Protein backbone atom coordinates (compact mmCIF):
# COMPACT_ATOMS: atom_id res chain seq x y z
CA MET A 1 31.04 -16.50 -58.60
CA ARG A 2 34.73 -16.52 -59.50
CA ARG A 3 36.05 -15.02 -62.75
CA THR A 4 38.76 -16.52 -64.91
CA SER A 5 41.58 -14.18 -66.02
CA PRO A 6 42.75 -14.14 -69.63
CA ARG A 7 45.70 -16.33 -68.64
CA GLY A 8 43.39 -19.00 -67.28
CA ARG A 9 43.89 -18.26 -63.60
CA THR A 10 40.99 -17.78 -61.24
CA SER A 11 40.89 -14.30 -59.74
CA ARG A 12 39.34 -13.43 -56.37
CA PRO A 13 36.37 -10.97 -56.51
CA ARG A 14 37.25 -7.49 -55.36
CA GLY A 15 36.15 -6.54 -51.89
CA LYS A 16 36.50 -10.07 -50.53
CA THR A 17 38.95 -10.70 -47.65
CA ARG A 18 40.28 -14.13 -46.86
CA PRO A 19 40.34 -15.22 -43.18
CA GLY A 20 44.12 -15.47 -43.39
CA ASP A 21 44.35 -11.80 -44.35
CA THR A 22 42.49 -10.72 -41.19
CA PHE A 23 44.77 -12.86 -39.05
CA LEU A 24 47.86 -11.32 -40.62
CA VAL A 25 46.51 -7.82 -40.01
CA ILE A 26 45.98 -8.65 -36.33
CA VAL A 27 49.48 -10.14 -36.04
CA PHE A 28 51.12 -7.16 -37.68
CA ALA A 29 49.10 -4.73 -35.54
CA GLY A 30 50.21 -6.58 -32.40
CA ILE A 31 53.84 -6.52 -33.48
CA ALA A 32 53.58 -2.82 -34.27
CA GLY A 33 52.01 -2.13 -30.86
CA VAL A 34 54.76 -4.03 -29.03
CA GLY A 35 57.38 -2.24 -31.07
CA LEU A 36 55.85 1.14 -30.28
CA LEU A 37 55.79 0.30 -26.56
CA LEU A 38 59.43 -0.81 -26.62
CA ALA A 39 60.39 2.34 -28.48
CA LEU A 40 58.59 4.47 -25.91
CA VAL A 41 60.30 2.66 -23.03
CA SER A 42 63.66 3.06 -24.74
CA TRP A 43 63.03 6.76 -25.34
CA VAL A 44 62.09 7.34 -21.72
CA ALA A 45 65.14 5.40 -20.53
CA THR A 46 67.50 7.51 -22.69
CA THR A 47 65.83 10.88 -22.12
CA PRO A 48 66.52 12.14 -18.57
CA ALA A 49 64.18 15.09 -18.96
CA VAL A 50 61.07 12.92 -19.21
CA GLN A 51 62.06 10.26 -16.69
CA PRO A 52 60.64 12.13 -13.65
CA VAL A 53 57.35 12.64 -15.48
CA ALA A 54 57.20 8.98 -16.45
CA ALA A 55 57.96 7.97 -12.90
CA LEU A 56 55.16 10.20 -11.60
CA VAL A 57 52.75 8.72 -14.11
CA LEU A 58 53.66 5.18 -13.08
CA VAL A 59 53.46 5.97 -9.37
CA GLY A 60 50.16 7.80 -9.80
CA GLY A 61 48.72 4.92 -11.77
CA GLY A 62 49.86 2.47 -9.13
CA VAL A 63 48.37 4.53 -6.32
CA LEU A 64 45.08 4.85 -8.20
CA ALA A 65 44.95 1.11 -8.81
CA VAL A 66 45.63 0.39 -5.13
CA ARG A 67 42.93 2.84 -4.06
CA ARG A 68 40.38 1.33 -6.41
CA ARG A 69 41.20 -2.17 -5.21
CA GLY A 70 40.94 -1.01 -1.61
CA ALA A 71 37.58 0.66 -2.29
CA ARG A 72 36.25 -2.54 -3.89
CA GLN A 73 37.41 -4.62 -0.95
CA ALA A 74 35.87 -2.18 1.53
CA ARG A 75 32.58 -2.21 -0.39
CA ARG A 76 32.50 -6.01 -0.44
CA ALA A 77 33.30 -6.16 3.27
CA GLU A 78 30.48 -3.71 4.03
CA GLU A 79 28.04 -5.69 1.89
CA ALA A 80 29.01 -8.88 3.73
CA ARG A 81 28.54 -7.14 7.09
CA VAL A 82 25.08 -5.92 6.07
CA ARG A 83 24.04 -9.38 4.85
CA ALA A 84 25.22 -10.95 8.10
CA ALA A 85 23.36 -8.37 10.21
CA GLN A 86 20.17 -8.84 8.21
CA SER A 87 20.37 -12.64 8.42
CA THR A 88 20.74 -12.42 12.19
CA GLU A 89 17.72 -10.13 12.48
CA ILE A 90 15.36 -12.19 10.35
CA ALA A 91 16.38 -15.41 12.12
CA ARG A 92 15.46 -13.78 15.43
CA TYR A 93 11.97 -12.93 14.19
CA HIS A 94 11.37 -16.42 12.84
CA VAL A 95 11.52 -17.95 16.33
CA MET A 96 8.95 -15.51 17.77
CA ASP A 97 5.29 -16.29 18.11
CA PRO A 98 2.80 -13.89 16.41
CA ARG A 99 2.26 -11.79 19.56
CA GLN A 100 5.99 -11.41 20.19
CA PHE A 101 6.44 -10.42 16.58
CA GLU A 102 3.82 -7.69 16.89
CA ASP A 103 5.56 -6.39 20.03
CA ALA A 104 8.85 -6.39 18.14
CA ILE A 105 7.39 -4.31 15.30
CA ALA A 106 5.90 -1.85 17.80
CA TYR A 107 9.34 -1.58 19.38
CA LEU A 108 10.94 -0.79 16.00
CA CYS A 109 8.41 2.00 15.49
CA HIS A 110 9.19 3.42 18.94
CA ARG A 111 12.94 3.03 18.38
CA ASP A 112 12.79 5.05 15.18
CA GLY A 113 10.95 8.02 16.63
CA CYS A 114 7.26 7.13 16.53
CA SER A 115 5.04 8.20 19.39
CA ASP A 116 2.28 6.10 20.97
CA ALA A 117 3.56 2.95 19.24
CA ARG A 118 1.66 -0.04 20.58
CA ARG A 119 0.44 -3.49 19.73
CA THR A 120 -3.31 -3.67 19.12
CA GLY A 121 -3.48 -7.12 17.56
CA GLY A 122 -5.94 -9.67 18.89
CA ALA A 123 -9.52 -10.76 18.42
CA GLY A 124 -11.49 -8.10 16.58
CA ASP A 125 -8.46 -6.02 15.60
CA LEU A 126 -9.72 -5.86 11.98
CA GLY A 127 -6.21 -6.16 10.61
CA ALA A 128 -4.52 -3.50 12.73
CA ASP A 129 -1.77 -5.25 14.70
CA VAL A 130 0.39 -2.19 15.44
CA VAL A 131 -0.55 1.48 15.42
CA ALA A 132 1.75 4.45 15.92
CA ASN A 133 2.26 8.09 15.04
CA ALA A 134 5.16 8.77 12.72
CA PRO A 135 7.70 11.45 13.65
CA ASP A 136 5.93 13.81 11.23
CA GLY A 137 2.53 13.10 12.84
CA ARG A 138 1.02 10.72 10.31
CA ARG A 139 -0.99 7.79 11.68
CA ILE A 140 0.63 4.43 10.93
CA VAL A 141 -1.32 1.18 10.81
CA ILE A 142 0.67 -2.04 10.39
CA GLN A 143 -0.49 -5.58 9.89
CA CYS A 144 2.07 -8.21 10.97
CA LYS A 145 2.42 -11.61 9.30
CA ARG A 146 4.84 -13.86 11.19
CA TYR A 147 5.03 -16.61 8.57
CA GLY A 148 7.58 -19.31 7.90
CA PRO A 149 10.04 -18.91 5.00
CA THR A 150 7.93 -21.10 2.68
CA THR A 151 4.54 -19.50 3.45
CA THR A 152 3.73 -16.48 1.31
CA VAL A 153 1.38 -13.59 2.01
CA GLY A 154 -1.35 -13.68 -0.65
CA SER A 155 -3.74 -11.16 -2.12
CA GLY A 156 -6.54 -12.35 0.18
CA ASP A 157 -4.58 -11.16 3.22
CA LEU A 158 -3.94 -7.83 1.56
CA GLN A 159 -7.57 -7.36 0.51
CA ARG A 160 -8.84 -7.88 4.04
CA PHE A 161 -6.36 -5.34 5.37
CA GLY A 162 -7.07 -2.94 2.50
CA GLY A 163 -10.75 -2.94 3.42
CA THR A 164 -10.12 -1.66 6.95
CA CYS A 165 -6.77 0.12 7.17
CA TYR A 166 -8.01 3.43 5.75
CA ASN A 167 -11.78 3.47 6.37
CA VAL A 168 -11.81 1.85 9.82
CA HIS A 169 -8.42 2.67 11.31
CA GLY A 170 -7.82 6.00 9.60
CA ALA A 171 -4.35 5.07 8.37
CA GLN A 172 -2.26 7.69 6.66
CA VAL A 173 0.53 5.13 6.26
CA ALA A 174 -0.65 1.52 5.83
CA ALA A 175 1.92 -1.28 5.79
CA VAL A 176 2.12 -5.06 5.96
CA VAL A 177 5.28 -6.50 7.49
CA THR A 178 6.17 -10.18 7.17
CA THR A 179 8.99 -12.58 7.91
CA SER A 180 8.25 -14.21 4.56
CA ARG A 181 7.45 -12.76 1.14
CA PHE A 182 4.48 -11.58 -0.90
CA THR A 183 2.90 -13.14 -3.96
CA LYS A 184 2.75 -11.14 -7.16
CA PRO A 185 -1.06 -10.64 -6.96
CA ALA A 186 -0.61 -9.37 -3.40
CA THR A 187 2.08 -6.96 -4.56
CA ASN A 188 -0.13 -5.69 -7.38
CA TYR A 189 -3.08 -5.17 -5.04
CA ALA A 190 -0.92 -3.35 -2.48
CA ARG A 191 0.41 -1.04 -5.17
CA SER A 192 -3.10 -0.16 -6.30
CA MET A 193 -4.14 0.60 -2.71
CA GLY A 194 -1.02 2.44 -1.62
CA ILE A 195 -0.16 -0.20 0.99
CA ARG A 196 3.53 -0.48 1.75
CA LEU A 197 4.97 -3.98 1.81
CA PHE A 198 7.91 -5.10 3.92
CA ASP A 199 9.06 -8.63 3.16
CA GLN A 200 11.75 -10.48 5.12
CA HIS A 201 14.57 -8.57 3.42
CA ALA A 202 13.02 -5.14 3.95
CA LEU A 203 12.21 -6.05 7.56
CA ALA A 204 15.76 -7.23 8.21
CA ALA A 205 17.13 -4.00 6.71
CA TRP A 206 14.78 -1.89 8.85
CA ALA A 207 15.63 -3.80 12.03
CA SER A 208 19.40 -3.67 11.42
CA ARG A 209 19.27 0.06 10.54
CA THR A 210 20.53 -0.65 7.03
CA GLY A 211 17.19 0.19 5.39
CA PRO A 212 14.25 2.57 5.80
CA ALA A 213 11.22 2.28 8.05
CA PRO A 214 7.79 1.80 6.40
CA TRP A 215 6.79 5.47 6.78
CA MET A 216 10.01 6.62 5.13
CA LEU A 217 9.31 5.06 1.73
């Protein structure tokens, strides 16, 4: 509520700032900043003693900026290379039939140091498609799901594997590897059972040596 001064004029309440005042403060601060910068440049230009130091600062800042830009470009190039390698790998697995896919997973185990890596999938395998011994001696049991990109691995698949991987096959590392992805219920069940899940991205990273193997998680 505005107050009226003794002379009949309306006075503005104390503590209130008009929008125009804030704008003027910003303008004056900008002018002051530009003036300070110009003064600094002028001082450096007319003071020979500080010119070498200023030059070093400018050169150092330029070199640092170039290095940072180069590091960002190198990081982006590496990320693009990794994505391309992973896309190539997962596309290769998509054209395999289930048996070829199991052989491919057994090969990856052998490639990365497992002993006695072999495909065991077939009728009566009870969910164990590939078995191997990890480099540290642990027994690995892997179930392979060569699915299309739009077919997900559900909790039913995981529950069947969870009922046999430890009790029947004696797994010390149990994993399910797919060319697709897992549903959320499947992921929750696997977490509760200690089953390691490798979806298409994790598989592509493993195959292209840009990510860990199942027993390394």
